[in-house]
Amino acid sequence: MKKQEKDKGGTPGEKRIRLSEDLLWGIHPIFESLEKVPERITEIILQKDKRGGKIEGIVEMARLHNIKLTFTEALRLTGEGSSQVRHQGIIARISETPLAEFATFLEEMAVKIKEGEPVRLMICDSLQDPHNLGAIIRSALASGAAGVIVTRERSAPLGGTAAKASAGAMSHIALCQVTNLVAALKDLKKAGFWVFGAVKESDAQSLYATDLTVPSCLVVGSEGKGIRPLVKRECDVLISIPMAGTLDSLNSSVAAAVILFEARRQQLALQLH
């Protein structure tokens, strides 16, 4: 946790906090986290002039769960990237994101498959941008995915930046972190999943010619290098998104959203027949 910086000539009574991955900001994300996972929050810092139903709800829930409340005249984030943050006068310090244990998660998914549920999982292989990771988690929830699996190493932290980008979705979807993604994919395939890897290779199968109504693990790779070779070998099908013009790739979070909602479209179409 970063040490707070003392006021150095700013607004009188201003609290300055250096931007770090243990912070969550914004009224809606903090309200959602208090409703779903209050045990993650260790302190809430709030500007005294903030009013409204959700603000009052945040204060009430914080007191109910014995979470430290700090009131200040003004609030300012400092450090790299802080100028892009719109904290809305409220910041929370958070503990590590609660994660599902993989063995338990796998068992639950296997039960869903046996019961005939159209289970979809989003797999993020070494994504390093927390904004992209948060956006993918948001799309996964909105498209009806059952969970998101991320790698433990070479992955963006599931901290304040990712939580903010997810717009509260991190509190509503199962998240699982694995040390060995290749081994995890092998276990998922044994449980009945098909693994689809998103690549930009010209000989990959078109997304729109791919049946995604089966139990699916949808894999996207890092922003620069894509899916790692060993992970790619574990994919049953390599898929690509057909694009017009000269572009040959999309941002990871955009690609994930396109694939997730195509899978949802196919499932809805199947249900109508």
Protein backbone atom coordinates (compact mmCIF):
# COMPACT_ATOMS: atom_id res chain seq x y z
CA MET A 1 0.00 0.00 0.00
CA LYS A 2 1.38 3.42 -0.97
CA LYS A 3 1.96 5.97 1.74
CA GLN A 4 -0.30 9.01 1.62
CA GLU A 5 1.32 12.24 0.59
CA LYS A 6 0.95 15.27 2.82
CA ASP A 7 -0.64 18.44 1.53
CA LYS A 8 1.93 20.62 -0.26
CA GLY A 9 0.16 23.83 -1.10
CA GLY A 10 -3.07 22.45 -2.57
CA THR A 11 -6.62 23.10 -1.41
CA PRO A 12 -6.79 23.56 2.40
CA GLY A 13 -7.70 20.25 4.00
CA GLU A 14 -6.99 18.36 0.77
CA LYS A 15 -6.00 14.70 1.10
CA ARG A 16 -3.53 13.58 -1.55
CA ILE A 17 -3.19 9.88 -2.32
CA ARG A 18 -0.80 8.31 -4.79
CA LEU A 19 -2.53 6.18 -7.42
CA SER A 20 -1.89 2.48 -6.86
CA GLU A 21 -3.46 -0.89 -7.56
CA ASP A 22 -5.00 -1.14 -4.07
CA LEU A 23 -7.44 1.68 -4.82
CA LEU A 24 -11.01 1.65 -6.11
CA TRP A 25 -12.75 4.87 -7.06
CA GLY A 26 -16.12 6.14 -8.22
CA ILE A 27 -19.53 6.02 -6.56
CA HIS A 28 -21.02 3.09 -8.47
CA PRO A 29 -18.04 0.68 -8.28
CA ILE A 30 -17.63 1.29 -4.53
CA PHE A 31 -21.37 0.93 -3.87
CA GLU A 32 -21.42 -2.36 -5.81
CA SER A 33 -18.40 -3.72 -3.97
CA LEU A 34 -19.92 -2.85 -0.58
CA GLU A 35 -23.08 -4.71 -1.54
CA LYS A 36 -21.31 -7.82 -2.83
CA VAL A 37 -17.86 -8.10 -1.24
CA PRO A 38 -17.55 -5.70 1.73
CA GLU A 39 -14.71 -7.81 3.11
CA ARG A 40 -12.48 -6.49 0.33
CA ILE A 41 -12.69 -2.88 1.51
CA THR A 42 -10.46 -1.64 4.33
CA GLU A 43 -11.10 2.12 4.18
CA ILE A 44 -13.33 4.62 2.38
CA ILE A 45 -12.15 8.20 1.90
CA LEU A 46 -14.94 10.64 1.08
CA GLN A 47 -15.20 14.37 0.42
CA LYS A 48 -17.45 16.05 2.97
CA ASP A 49 -19.47 17.91 0.35
CA LYS A 50 -20.66 14.77 -1.43
CA ARG A 51 -24.37 14.04 -1.12
CA GLY A 52 -26.93 11.71 -2.66
CA GLY A 53 -28.71 8.42 -2.11
CA LYS A 54 -25.79 6.21 -3.08
CA ILE A 55 -23.33 8.24 -1.01
CA GLU A 56 -25.58 7.85 2.03
CA GLY A 57 -25.89 4.14 1.24
CA ILE A 58 -22.10 3.82 1.07
CA VAL A 59 -21.66 5.49 4.46
CA GLU A 60 -24.38 3.32 6.02
CA MET A 61 -22.92 0.07 4.65
CA ALA A 62 -19.40 1.07 5.68
CA ARG A 63 -20.55 1.64 9.26
CA LEU A 64 -22.53 -1.59 9.24
CA HIS A 65 -19.41 -3.55 8.26
CA ASN A 66 -17.08 -1.56 10.55
CA ILE A 67 -15.09 -0.19 7.64
CA LYS A 68 -12.97 2.85 8.40
CA LEU A 69 -14.48 6.09 7.07
CA THR A 70 -12.28 9.11 6.48
CA PHE A 71 -13.88 12.45 5.59
CA THR A 72 -11.87 15.19 3.93
CA GLU A 73 -12.43 18.67 2.52
CA ALA A 74 -10.96 17.72 -0.85
CA LEU A 75 -9.48 14.64 -2.45
CA ARG A 76 -6.72 14.39 -5.02
CA LEU A 77 -4.96 11.46 -6.64
CA THR A 78 -1.33 11.93 -7.63
CA GLY A 79 1.21 9.94 -9.61
CA GLU A 80 1.38 8.50 -13.11
CA GLY A 81 -2.03 8.14 -14.73
CA SER A 82 -3.87 10.05 -12.01
CA SER A 83 -4.93 12.84 -14.38
CA GLN A 84 -7.12 10.32 -16.23
CA VAL A 85 -8.99 9.24 -13.09
CA ARG A 86 -12.43 10.69 -12.25
CA HIS A 87 -12.87 9.59 -8.65
CA GLN A 88 -16.14 11.51 -8.00
CA GLY A 89 -14.93 12.53 -4.55
CA ILE A 90 -14.69 9.00 -3.18
CA ILE A 91 -11.87 6.43 -2.99
CA ALA A 92 -11.73 3.04 -1.31
CA ARG A 93 -8.71 1.02 -0.31
CA ILE A 94 -9.21 -2.60 -1.26
CA SER A 95 -7.66 -5.90 -0.36
CA GLU A 96 -6.87 -8.62 -2.90
CA THR A 97 -9.83 -9.53 -5.09
CA PRO A 98 -11.57 -12.68 -3.82
CA LEU A 99 -10.88 -15.43 -6.31
CA ALA A 100 -12.50 -18.81 -6.84
CA GLU A 101 -10.27 -21.81 -6.15
CA PHE A 102 -9.73 -23.55 -9.51
CA ALA A 103 -10.59 -27.10 -8.40
CA THR A 104 -13.89 -25.95 -6.92
CA PHE A 105 -14.59 -23.74 -9.94
CA LEU A 106 -13.88 -26.64 -12.31
CA GLU A 107 -16.19 -28.96 -10.39
CA GLU A 108 -19.02 -26.41 -10.54
CA MET A 109 -18.54 -25.93 -14.28
CA ALA A 110 -18.51 -29.72 -14.86
CA VAL A 111 -21.86 -30.01 -13.08
CA LYS A 112 -23.34 -27.27 -15.29
CA ILE A 113 -22.15 -29.08 -18.42
CA LYS A 114 -23.65 -32.39 -17.27
CA GLU A 115 -26.95 -30.59 -16.68
CA GLY A 116 -26.88 -29.34 -20.27
CA GLU A 117 -26.20 -25.67 -19.57
CA PRO A 118 -24.55 -23.68 -22.40
CA VAL A 119 -21.52 -22.70 -20.30
CA ARG A 120 -19.02 -20.15 -21.61
CA LEU A 121 -15.78 -19.04 -19.97
CA MET A 122 -13.52 -16.14 -20.87
CA ILE A 123 -9.81 -16.98 -20.64
CA CYS A 124 -7.25 -14.14 -20.54
CA ASP A 125 -3.72 -15.28 -21.34
CA SER A 126 -1.20 -12.83 -19.87
CA LEU A 127 -3.17 -9.62 -20.40
CA GLN A 128 -1.08 -6.81 -18.94
CA ASP A 129 -3.33 -3.76 -19.31
CA PRO A 130 -5.74 -3.49 -16.36
CA HIS A 131 -8.12 -1.36 -18.43
CA ASN A 132 -8.42 -4.13 -21.02
CA LEU A 133 -8.82 -6.77 -18.33
CA GLY A 134 -11.59 -4.83 -16.61
CA ALA A 135 -13.37 -4.21 -19.91
CA ILE A 136 -13.22 -7.93 -20.75
CA ILE A 137 -14.70 -8.85 -17.37
CA ARG A 138 -17.51 -6.37 -18.01
CA SER A 139 -18.22 -7.89 -21.45
CA ALA A 140 -18.07 -11.40 -20.03
CA LEU A 141 -20.74 -10.59 -17.46
CA ALA A 142 -22.93 -8.73 -19.95
CA SER A 143 -22.76 -11.59 -22.48
CA GLY A 144 -23.71 -14.26 -19.94
CA ALA A 145 -20.34 -15.93 -19.43
CA ALA A 146 -20.09 -18.08 -16.30
CA GLY A 147 -16.64 -16.88 -15.29
CA VAL A 148 -13.28 -15.40 -16.21
CA ILE A 149 -9.91 -17.12 -15.80
CA VAL A 150 -6.67 -15.11 -15.72
CA THR A 151 -3.04 -16.10 -15.40
CA ARG A 152 -1.20 -15.51 -12.14
CA GLU A 153 2.05 -14.39 -13.76
CA ARG A 154 2.44 -11.71 -16.44
CA SER A 155 -1.12 -10.54 -15.86
CA ALA A 156 -2.58 -7.19 -14.89
CA PRO A 157 -3.60 -7.07 -11.22
CA LEU A 158 -7.26 -7.32 -10.34
CA GLY A 159 -7.02 -4.02 -8.50
CA GLY A 160 -8.64 -0.61 -8.64
CA THR A 161 -7.96 0.14 -12.30
CA ALA A 162 -9.42 -3.16 -13.52
CA ALA A 163 -12.36 -2.87 -11.13
CA LYS A 164 -13.14 0.65 -12.36
CA ALA A 165 -12.93 -0.46 -16.01
CA SER A 166 -15.29 -3.36 -15.25
CA ALA A 167 -17.94 -0.89 -13.97
CA GLY A 168 -18.82 -3.14 -11.05
CA ALA A 169 -18.79 -6.41 -13.02
CA MET A 170 -15.98 -7.88 -10.91
CA SER A 171 -18.44 -8.17 -8.02
CA HIS A 172 -20.93 -10.20 -10.07
CA ILE A 173 -18.94 -12.85 -11.93
CA ALA A 174 -16.71 -15.74 -10.86
CA LEU A 175 -13.02 -14.92 -11.20
CA CYS A 176 -10.30 -17.55 -11.12
CA GLN A 177 -6.52 -17.19 -11.32
CA VAL A 178 -4.30 -20.09 -12.40
CA THR A 179 -0.55 -20.61 -12.29
CA ASN A 180 -0.40 -23.03 -15.24
CA LEU A 181 -2.92 -22.12 -17.92
CA VAL A 182 -1.99 -25.05 -20.15
CA ALA A 183 -2.73 -27.53 -17.35
CA ALA A 184 -5.96 -25.69 -16.53
CA LEU A 185 -7.12 -25.92 -20.15
CA LYS A 186 -6.40 -29.66 -20.18
CA ASP A 187 -8.61 -30.06 -17.10
CA LEU A 188 -11.34 -27.91 -18.62
CA LYS A 189 -11.34 -30.04 -21.78
CA LYS A 190 -11.65 -33.20 -19.69
CA ALA A 191 -14.69 -31.62 -18.04
CA GLY A 192 -16.33 -31.19 -21.49
CA PHE A 193 -15.19 -27.76 -22.70
CA TRP A 194 -14.02 -26.89 -26.19
CA VAL A 195 -11.17 -24.35 -26.31
CA PHE A 196 -11.30 -21.59 -28.94
CA GLY A 197 -8.26 -19.36 -29.33
CA ALA A 198 -8.52 -15.91 -30.89
CA VAL A 199 -5.65 -15.23 -33.33
CA LYS A 200 -5.00 -12.97 -36.31
CA GLU A 201 -3.62 -15.71 -38.56
CA SER A 202 -5.02 -15.86 -42.09
CA ASP A 203 -5.59 -19.62 -41.99
CA ALA A 204 -7.62 -19.49 -38.77
CA GLN A 205 -11.31 -20.36 -38.93
CA SER A 206 -13.71 -17.43 -39.24
CA LEU A 207 -15.53 -16.58 -36.01
CA TYR A 208 -18.81 -16.52 -37.94
CA ALA A 209 -18.27 -20.04 -39.28
CA THR A 210 -17.58 -21.44 -35.80
CA ASP A 211 -20.14 -23.20 -33.62
CA LEU A 212 -19.85 -21.58 -30.19
CA THR A 213 -23.00 -23.15 -28.74
CA VAL A 214 -20.94 -25.97 -27.22
CA PRO A 215 -19.41 -25.53 -23.72
CA SER A 216 -16.71 -23.02 -24.62
CA CYS A 217 -13.49 -21.56 -23.31
CA LEU A 218 -12.80 -18.40 -25.31
CA VAL A 219 -9.12 -17.48 -25.14
CA VAL A 220 -7.61 -14.07 -25.90
CA GLY A 221 -3.94 -13.24 -25.54
CA SER A 222 -1.82 -10.30 -24.48
CA GLU A 223 -2.02 -6.94 -26.21
CA GLY A 224 1.26 -7.36 -28.08
CA LYS A 225 2.14 -11.04 -28.51
CA GLY A 226 -1.30 -12.64 -28.41
CA ILE A 227 -1.80 -16.18 -27.14
CA ARG A 228 1.42 -17.90 -26.05
CA PRO A 229 2.55 -20.86 -28.22
CA LEU A 230 1.97 -23.57 -25.58
CA VAL A 231 -1.50 -22.20 -24.86
CA LYS A 232 -2.25 -22.03 -28.59
CA ARG A 233 -1.38 -25.71 -28.95
CA GLU A 234 -4.00 -26.54 -26.34
CA CYS A 235 -6.76 -24.82 -28.36
CA ASP A 236 -9.16 -27.11 -30.23
CA VAL A 237 -9.97 -24.41 -32.79
CA LEU A 238 -8.15 -21.20 -33.71
CA ILE A 239 -10.55 -18.48 -34.75
CA SER A 240 -10.22 -15.01 -36.26
CA ILE A 241 -12.54 -12.04 -36.65
CA PRO A 242 -13.05 -11.11 -40.33
CA MET A 243 -12.22 -7.45 -40.84
CA ALA A 244 -12.49 -4.99 -43.69
CA GLY A 245 -9.66 -2.73 -44.75
CA THR A 246 -5.99 -3.06 -43.89
CA LEU A 247 -6.21 -3.63 -40.15
CA ASP A 248 -5.23 -7.13 -39.10
CA SER A 249 -6.01 -7.05 -35.37
CA LEU A 250 -8.19 -5.47 -32.70
CA ASN A 251 -7.58 -4.35 -29.15
CA SER A 252 -7.79 -7.39 -26.83
CA SER A 253 -10.89 -6.16 -25.01
CA VAL A 254 -12.67 -5.32 -28.26
CA ALA A 255 -11.85 -8.72 -29.75
CA ALA A 256 -13.06 -10.45 -26.60
CA ALA A 257 -16.35 -8.52 -26.69
CA VAL A 258 -16.96 -9.39 -30.35
CA ILE A 259 -16.38 -13.10 -29.68
CA LEU A 260 -18.40 -13.17 -26.46
CA PHE A 261 -21.44 -11.55 -28.03
CA GLU A 262 -21.24 -13.71 -31.16
CA ALA A 263 -21.37 -16.72 -28.83
CA ARG A 264 -24.37 -15.21 -27.09
CA ARG A 265 -26.07 -14.47 -30.43
CA GLN A 266 -25.62 -18.08 -31.50
CA GLN A 267 -27.02 -19.38 -28.22
CA LEU A 268 -30.10 -17.13 -28.43
CA ALA A 269 -30.66 -18.16 -32.05
CA LEU A 270 -30.47 -21.82 -31.03
CA GLN A 271 -33.05 -21.28 -28.29
CA LEU A 272 -35.48 -19.76 -30.80
CA HIS A 273 -35.49 -22.91 -32.95
